[in-house]
Protein backbone atom coordinates (compact mmCIF):
# COMPACT_ATOMS: atom_id res chain seq x y z
CA UNK A 1 49.53 95.05 73.25
CA UNK A 2 48.05 92.92 76.05
CA UNK A 3 50.61 91.70 78.55
CA UNK A 4 49.82 88.09 77.82
CA UNK A 5 50.05 88.43 74.04
CA UNK A 6 52.87 86.41 72.50
CA UNK A 7 55.61 88.39 70.75
CA UNK A 8 55.53 88.27 66.97
CA UNK A 9 58.22 86.04 65.48
CA UNK A 10 58.86 86.33 61.72
CA UNK A 11 57.83 83.37 59.62
CA UNK A 12 60.08 82.03 56.84
CA UNK A 13 57.78 83.74 54.31
CA UNK A 14 58.19 87.05 56.14
CA UNK A 15 61.97 86.66 56.13
CA UNK A 16 61.91 86.08 52.36
CA UNK A 17 59.70 89.13 51.85
CA UNK A 18 62.01 91.29 53.92
CA UNK A 19 65.01 90.10 51.92
CA UNK A 20 63.19 91.04 48.73
CA UNK A 21 62.44 94.55 50.02
CA UNK A 22 66.09 95.04 50.95
CA UNK A 23 67.21 93.87 47.52
CA UNK A 24 64.84 96.31 45.82
CA UNK A 25 66.04 99.17 48.01
CA UNK A 26 69.64 98.39 47.14
CA UNK A 27 68.80 98.20 43.44
CA UNK A 28 67.13 101.60 43.46
CA UNK A 29 69.24 103.54 45.94
CA UNK A 30 72.40 101.57 46.68
CA UNK A 31 73.12 100.20 50.14
CA UNK A 32 70.63 99.49 52.90
CA UNK A 33 67.76 101.48 54.39
CA UNK A 34 68.02 102.76 57.94
CA UNK A 35 65.17 100.45 58.86
CA UNK A 36 62.17 98.50 57.62
CA UNK A 37 58.74 98.81 59.19
CA UNK A 38 55.60 96.72 58.70
CA UNK A 39 51.99 97.78 59.18
CA UNK A 40 49.17 95.26 58.71
CA UNK A 41 45.97 95.53 56.80
CA UNK A 42 42.79 94.85 58.67
CA UNK A 43 39.62 92.82 58.44
CA UNK A 44 36.55 94.09 60.18
CA UNK A 45 34.78 91.46 62.23
CA UNK A 46 31.72 93.70 62.44
CA UNK A 47 30.85 97.39 62.37
CA UNK A 48 30.66 98.64 58.79
CA UNK A 49 30.04 102.32 57.94
CA UNK A 50 29.65 103.11 61.62
CA UNK A 51 33.10 104.68 62.03
CA UNK A 52 32.32 108.03 60.40
CA UNK A 53 29.04 108.10 62.31
CA UNK A 54 30.86 108.24 65.69
CA UNK A 55 29.89 104.63 66.36
CA UNK A 56 31.67 101.41 67.30
CA UNK A 57 33.72 99.06 65.17
CA UNK A 58 35.47 95.75 65.89
CA UNK A 59 38.29 95.21 63.39
CA UNK A 60 41.47 93.19 63.77
CA UNK A 61 44.90 93.53 62.21
CA UNK A 62 45.62 90.71 59.78
CA UNK A 63 48.76 88.76 59.00
CA UNK A 64 49.30 90.63 55.71
CA UNK A 65 50.69 94.13 55.46
CA UNK A 66 52.95 96.74 53.88
CA UNK A 67 56.71 96.88 54.38
CA UNK A 68 58.35 100.32 54.27
CA UNK A 69 62.12 100.52 53.81
CA UNK A 70 63.25 104.06 54.59
CA UNK A 71 66.46 106.09 54.53
CA UNK A 72 66.96 109.81 55.07
CA UNK A 73 68.44 112.12 52.44
CA UNK A 74 69.61 115.71 52.75
CA UNK A 75 68.22 117.43 49.65
CA UNK A 76 64.60 117.97 50.73
CA UNK A 77 63.25 115.54 48.18
CA UNK A 78 61.31 112.31 48.53
CA UNK A 79 61.56 109.23 46.34
CA UNK A 80 58.70 106.74 46.64
CA UNK A 81 58.71 103.40 44.85
CA UNK A 82 56.99 100.07 45.24
CA UNK A 83 57.80 96.52 44.23
CA UNK A 84 54.44 96.44 42.43
CA UNK A 85 54.26 97.50 38.76
CA UNK A 86 53.42 101.11 39.66
CA UNK A 87 55.34 104.24 38.63
CA UNK A 88 57.94 105.57 41.07
CA UNK A 89 57.91 109.26 41.90
CA UNK A 90 60.43 111.78 43.18
CA UNK A 91 59.25 115.21 44.34
CA UNK A 92 60.30 118.00 46.62
CA UNK A 93 58.71 118.01 50.06
CA UNK A 94 57.38 121.51 49.42
CA UNK A 95 55.51 120.22 46.37
CA UNK A 96 53.38 117.76 48.36
CA UNK A 97 49.87 118.64 49.51
CA UNK A 98 46.14 118.32 48.77
CA UNK A 99 45.45 118.38 45.06
CA UNK A 100 49.16 118.31 44.21
CA UNK A 101 49.85 114.56 44.07
CA UNK A 102 47.85 111.93 42.21
CA UNK A 103 47.74 108.16 42.21
CA UNK A 104 49.12 105.69 44.72
CA UNK A 105 51.99 107.98 45.79
CA UNK A 106 49.49 110.40 47.36
CA UNK A 107 49.14 107.98 50.29
CA UNK A 108 52.75 107.81 51.54
CA UNK A 109 53.50 111.40 50.55
CA UNK A 110 50.33 112.54 52.30
CA UNK A 111 51.70 111.17 55.58
CA UNK A 112 54.81 113.31 55.24
CA UNK A 113 52.67 116.35 54.45
CA UNK A 114 50.48 115.75 57.51
CA UNK A 115 53.48 115.43 59.82
CA UNK A 116 54.97 118.63 58.41
CA UNK A 117 51.64 120.44 58.84
CA UNK A 118 51.83 119.48 62.50
CA UNK A 119 55.22 121.17 62.80
CA UNK A 120 57.53 118.16 62.53
CA UNK A 121 60.79 118.67 60.63
CA UNK A 122 60.56 115.85 58.13
CA UNK A 123 63.68 115.50 55.94
CA UNK A 124 63.98 114.14 52.45
CA UNK A 125 63.53 110.37 52.28
CA UNK A 126 63.98 107.37 50.07
CA UNK A 127 61.09 104.92 50.48
CA UNK A 128 60.60 101.49 48.96
CA UNK A 129 57.30 99.80 49.74
CA UNK A 130 56.05 96.25 49.37
CA UNK A 131 52.51 95.08 50.16
CA UNK A 132 51.06 91.64 50.75
CA UNK A 133 47.52 93.02 51.21
CA UNK A 134 45.37 92.43 48.12
CA UNK A 135 44.51 95.83 46.66
CA UNK A 136 40.80 96.52 46.35
CA UNK A 137 39.82 93.59 48.57
CA UNK A 138 38.38 95.70 51.38
CA UNK A 139 41.26 94.76 53.68
CA UNK A 140 42.63 98.29 53.92
CA UNK A 141 45.78 98.09 51.90
CA UNK A 142 45.81 101.90 52.01
CA UNK A 143 45.93 102.02 55.82
CA UNK A 144 48.73 99.46 55.83
CA UNK A 145 50.64 101.72 53.45
CA UNK A 146 50.10 104.98 55.31
CA UNK A 147 50.64 103.50 58.78
CA UNK A 148 53.89 101.82 57.79
CA UNK A 149 55.23 105.18 56.61
CA UNK A 150 53.91 107.04 59.67
CA UNK A 151 55.56 104.64 62.11
CA UNK A 152 58.80 104.60 60.10
CA UNK A 153 59.12 108.38 60.16
CA UNK A 154 58.14 108.59 63.82
CA UNK A 155 60.75 106.07 64.94
CA UNK A 156 63.42 107.18 62.48
CA UNK A 157 63.19 110.79 63.67
CA UNK A 158 62.48 109.97 67.33
CA UNK A 159 59.22 111.94 67.33
CA UNK A 160 57.70 109.82 70.11
CA UNK A 161 54.13 110.16 68.86
CA UNK A 162 51.32 108.13 70.42
CA UNK A 163 50.09 105.34 68.17
CA UNK A 164 46.66 106.93 67.90
CA UNK A 165 48.34 110.12 66.71
CA UNK A 166 50.17 108.13 64.03
CA UNK A 167 46.83 106.70 62.96
CA UNK A 168 45.42 110.24 62.77
CA UNK A 169 48.24 111.36 60.46
CA UNK A 170 47.70 108.29 58.28
CA UNK A 171 43.99 109.02 58.09
CA UNK A 172 44.61 112.69 57.26
CA UNK A 173 46.84 111.60 54.40
CA UNK A 174 44.01 109.50 53.00
CA UNK A 175 41.31 112.13 53.55
CA UNK A 176 43.07 115.31 52.47
CA UNK A 177 45.79 114.26 50.02
CA UNK A 178 44.55 110.98 48.51
CA UNK A 179 40.90 112.11 48.64
CA UNK A 180 39.49 108.97 50.30
CA UNK A 181 36.86 109.96 52.93
CA UNK A 182 37.63 107.17 55.41
CA UNK A 183 36.84 107.17 59.11
CA UNK A 184 39.41 106.32 61.80
CA UNK A 185 38.89 102.56 61.94
CA UNK A 186 41.40 101.25 59.43
CA UNK A 187 44.41 103.12 60.70
CA UNK A 188 43.65 102.53 64.39
CA UNK A 189 43.30 98.79 63.75
CA UNK A 190 46.63 98.75 61.92
CA UNK A 191 48.61 100.46 64.69
CA UNK A 192 46.81 98.94 67.72
CA UNK A 193 46.39 95.35 66.54
CA UNK A 194 47.42 92.44 68.76
CA UNK A 195 47.70 88.73 68.11
CA UNK A 196 44.50 86.80 68.80
CA UNK A 197 42.64 90.05 69.59
CA UNK A 198 40.18 92.35 67.89
CA UNK A 199 40.26 96.09 68.48
CA UNK A 200 37.06 97.69 69.79
CA UNK A 201 37.11 101.33 68.75
CA UNK A 202 34.79 104.02 70.03
CA UNK A 203 34.97 106.29 67.00
CA UNK A 204 33.79 109.34 68.93
CA UNK A 205 36.36 109.29 71.72
CA UNK A 206 38.83 107.26 69.62
CA UNK A 207 39.25 105.04 72.68
CA UNK A 208 40.76 101.67 71.78
CA UNK A 209 40.18 98.46 73.74
CA UNK A 210 41.69 95.14 72.72
CA UNK A 211 39.24 92.24 72.96
CA UNK A 212 40.40 88.62 73.14
CA UNK A 213 38.45 86.59 70.57
CA UNK A 214 39.20 83.04 71.71
CA UNK A 215 38.64 81.66 68.24
CA UNK A 216 41.27 78.92 68.31
CA UNK A 217 40.12 77.65 71.69
CA UNK A 218 36.59 77.46 70.30
CA UNK A 219 37.73 75.53 67.22
CA UNK A 220 36.99 78.43 64.87
CA UNK A 221 38.82 80.19 62.06
CA UNK A 222 38.24 83.24 59.88
CA UNK A 223 38.36 82.99 56.09
CA UNK A 224 38.44 85.85 53.61
CA UNK A 225 37.02 85.37 50.12
CA UNK A 226 38.41 88.07 47.85
CA UNK A 227 35.79 88.30 45.10
CA UNK A 228 38.13 90.29 42.81
CA UNK A 229 35.18 92.58 42.10
CA UNK A 230 36.24 96.18 41.64
CA UNK A 231 36.45 98.14 44.90
CA UNK A 232 37.07 101.89 44.88
CA UNK A 233 36.46 104.10 47.92
CA UNK A 234 37.03 107.40 46.16
CA UNK A 235 33.95 106.98 43.97
CA UNK A 236 30.59 108.66 44.44
CA UNK A 237 28.84 105.74 46.12
CA UNK A 238 30.78 105.99 49.37
CA UNK A 239 30.35 109.76 49.54
CA UNK A 240 26.61 109.48 48.87
CA UNK A 241 26.18 107.07 51.79
CA UNK A 242 28.11 109.36 54.10
CA UNK A 243 26.03 112.39 53.12
CA UNK A 244 22.82 110.44 53.72
CA UNK A 245 23.99 109.57 57.23
CA UNK A 246 24.77 113.20 57.95
CA UNK A 247 21.37 114.26 56.62
CA UNK A 248 19.62 111.72 58.87
CA UNK A 249 21.53 112.89 61.94
CA UNK A 250 20.56 116.52 61.26
CA UNK A 251 16.91 115.58 60.80
CA UNK A 252 16.92 113.60 64.06
CA UNK A 253 18.63 116.44 65.93
CA UNK A 254 21.58 114.31 67.10
CA UNK A 255 25.31 114.95 66.70
CA UNK A 256 25.77 111.66 64.82
CA UNK A 257 23.81 108.49 64.15
CA UNK A 258 25.57 106.86 67.10
CA UNK A 259 23.11 108.86 69.23
CA UNK A 260 19.98 107.89 67.28
CA UNK A 261 17.33 105.47 68.53
CA UNK A 262 15.37 103.13 66.31
CA UNK A 263 11.98 104.33 67.54
CA UNK A 264 12.87 107.96 66.81
CA UNK A 265 14.15 106.94 63.41
CA UNK A 266 10.93 105.10 62.60
CA UNK A 267 8.86 108.12 63.64
CA UNK A 268 10.90 110.67 61.69
CA UNK A 269 9.73 112.09 58.38
CA UNK A 270 12.77 111.08 56.39
CA UNK A 271 13.31 110.28 52.77
CA UNK A 272 12.91 106.46 52.60
CA UNK A 273 16.43 105.95 51.25
CA UNK A 274 17.96 108.16 53.95
CA UNK A 275 15.95 106.28 56.58
CA UNK A 276 17.29 102.94 55.37
CA UNK A 277 20.86 104.21 55.44
CA UNK A 278 20.38 105.42 59.01
CA UNK A 279 18.70 102.18 60.09
CA UNK A 280 21.74 100.21 59.00
CA UNK A 281 24.07 102.36 61.11
CA UNK A 282 21.90 102.25 64.23
CA UNK A 283 21.40 98.47 64.08
CA UNK A 284 25.04 97.84 63.17
CA UNK A 285 26.25 99.71 66.26
CA UNK A 286 24.04 97.44 68.38
CA UNK A 287 25.45 94.35 66.65
CA UNK A 288 29.04 95.41 67.38
CA UNK A 289 28.38 95.68 71.10
CA UNK A 290 26.51 92.36 71.13
CA UNK A 291 29.46 90.61 69.46
CA UNK A 292 31.82 92.03 72.08
CA UNK A 293 29.56 90.73 74.85
CA UNK A 294 29.47 87.27 73.27
CA UNK A 295 33.22 86.84 72.83
CA UNK A 296 33.92 88.18 76.30
CA UNK A 297 31.48 85.59 77.61
CA UNK A 298 33.40 82.84 75.81
CA UNK A 299 30.63 82.29 73.23
CA UNK A 300 32.26 83.18 69.88
CA UNK A 301 30.30 80.50 68.00
CA UNK A 302 27.16 82.59 68.58
CA UNK A 303 28.63 85.49 66.62
CA UNK A 304 27.69 83.90 63.28
CA UNK A 305 24.05 85.07 63.06
CA UNK A 306 25.14 88.63 63.82
CA UNK A 307 27.55 88.52 60.88
CA UNK A 308 24.68 87.34 58.70
CA UNK A 309 22.45 90.15 59.96
CA UNK A 310 25.19 92.68 59.24
CA UNK A 311 25.47 91.49 55.64
CA UNK A 312 21.71 91.62 55.12
CA UNK A 313 21.64 95.18 56.44
CA UNK A 314 24.54 96.26 54.23
CA UNK A 315 22.86 94.63 51.25
CA UNK A 316 19.29 95.84 51.78
CA UNK A 317 19.46 99.04 53.84
CA UNK A 318 22.85 100.50 52.99
CA UNK A 319 22.93 98.98 49.49
CA UNK A 320 26.68 98.62 49.18
CA UNK A 321 26.82 94.93 48.33
CA UNK A 322 27.16 93.55 44.81
CA UNK A 323 26.18 90.15 43.36
CA UNK A 324 29.69 88.73 43.79
CA UNK A 325 29.63 89.48 47.52
CA UNK A 326 26.16 87.99 47.97
CA UNK A 327 27.13 84.80 46.13
CA UNK A 328 30.32 84.49 48.19
CA UNK A 329 28.29 84.78 51.42
CA UNK A 330 25.90 82.08 50.22
CA UNK A 331 28.81 79.86 49.20
CA UNK A 332 30.41 80.24 52.62
CA UNK A 333 27.22 79.02 54.27
CA UNK A 334 27.00 76.09 51.88
CA UNK A 335 30.54 75.15 52.93
CA UNK A 336 29.65 75.14 56.62
CA UNK A 337 30.27 78.73 57.75
CA UNK A 338 28.53 79.81 60.95
CA UNK A 339 28.16 83.32 59.56
CA UNK A 340 29.52 85.53 56.79
CA UNK A 341 29.41 89.14 55.70
CA UNK A 342 30.94 91.57 53.26
CA UNK A 343 33.76 93.67 54.72
CA UNK A 344 35.06 97.09 53.80
CA UNK A 345 33.35 100.00 52.11
CA UNK A 346 31.41 97.85 49.69
CA UNK A 347 30.78 97.93 45.93
CA UNK A 348 33.16 94.99 45.66
CA UNK A 349 35.93 93.60 47.80
CA UNK A 350 35.79 90.64 50.16
CA UNK A 351 33.64 88.48 52.39
CA UNK A 352 34.66 87.38 55.89
CA UNK A 353 33.39 84.01 57.07
CA UNK A 354 33.46 82.46 60.55
CA UNK A 355 34.00 78.73 60.07
CA UNK A 356 34.71 75.63 62.15
CA UNK A 357 38.35 74.61 61.90
CA UNK A 358 38.75 72.11 59.09
CA UNK A 359 36.26 73.88 56.82
CA UNK A 360 38.60 76.66 55.68
CA UNK A 361 39.47 75.17 52.28
CA UNK A 362 35.85 74.24 51.59
CA UNK A 363 34.77 77.89 51.74
CA UNK A 364 37.15 79.00 49.00
CA UNK A 365 36.40 75.92 46.90
CA UNK A 366 32.63 76.41 47.06
CA UNK A 367 33.00 80.10 46.19
CA UNK A 368 35.09 79.21 43.14
CA UNK A 369 32.44 76.72 42.03
CA UNK A 370 29.61 79.22 42.43
CA UNK A 371 31.56 81.92 40.57
CA UNK A 372 32.42 79.52 37.74
CA UNK A 373 28.70 78.75 37.30
CA UNK A 374 28.16 82.45 36.56
CA UNK A 375 31.19 82.88 34.32
CA UNK A 376 32.93 85.20 36.80
CA UNK A 377 36.66 85.31 37.44
CA UNK A 378 37.73 82.95 40.21
CA UNK A 379 37.78 84.43 43.72
CA UNK A 380 40.61 83.77 46.16
CA UNK A 381 39.99 82.28 49.59
CA UNK A 382 42.53 82.45 52.40
CA UNK A 383 42.65 82.24 56.17
CA UNK A 384 43.33 85.41 58.14
CA UNK A 385 44.45 85.49 61.74
CA UNK A 386 44.29 88.44 64.16
CA UNK A 387 47.88 89.69 64.15
CA UNK A 388 50.27 92.14 65.79
CA UNK A 389 50.00 95.80 64.87
CA UNK A 390 52.51 98.08 63.14
CA UNK A 391 56.09 97.42 64.17
CA UNK A 392 59.73 97.68 63.12
CA UNK A 393 61.00 94.48 61.51
CA UNK A 394 64.60 95.52 60.81
């Protein structure tokens, strides 16, 4: 965390949430956990589908996350439960691995499997989890879940792992046990987040640089519109896009699309769909670096058109938007947003809008009006603020 970043102080709502987690742990297991850890979800300011192409991304940790209450046990078994209406599960540690666990529990159990694969002596555990990240909204509720468990086990056992290593274990859990082919962005943002900062990630070197955004000083705020449209990363659409990117890189003779140039792409004899997919990645990488230059120059208001360009590229070239996302972007502009784009893997989820302070409520209201005109379920609009990364809260 930057030296000048203010320490995170729990809000009254956070205190109430923590009390609820402790009560649930006591109800299920009796007594108190050895500790409670919190890892945030993330919103991506810009840089979508560039992470698995070795490119750049600029996410930030948000002020919503997953609490993990954890206590060791001595029988080599793991109990995982959540305050949400999802089934609890108890299994032996030796029964956890790729293809052996299904459903939501694959995420936390996958972290334990990854740590054990790396030679760490992970004991049996009781875990109770509580999330404030909307599931399926493109705000990486899964990374919040896996990172909270990774940090809890690291600190509980005194492993002393680097935060980027914790993010790698969380990602491996998602990739190999839960079957979600995510890049490194979500987990790195969750563990490296800082208040009032975004996290610039070079997804090739996995180098992380915190970037002050200066939004409040510029009179700006960020609003998420959760469209409530179905969002599922483990479906075929995400995998198809990733394979197209890999095909384009091979055809261009580069290690990854991060290394591709637009003129070479235009000259290549590529399938038109593959070419469009690649064009999105190449132009999106350029937009990420331009946004960083703007905020470092104290010009965050000029970021808006780049957010708009990102959405157009995701809609037209990468084809991962859906009507609900497009309508939410239009509604944000009608309510005074300087720029807006879909965030996350696509095929549903949320829109992120950059708005002048005072216009936050108008964005959600206009989106609800536009959705009602089409007979769609009402979306939810809420402000998100760049927040501290994963940490122990008790």
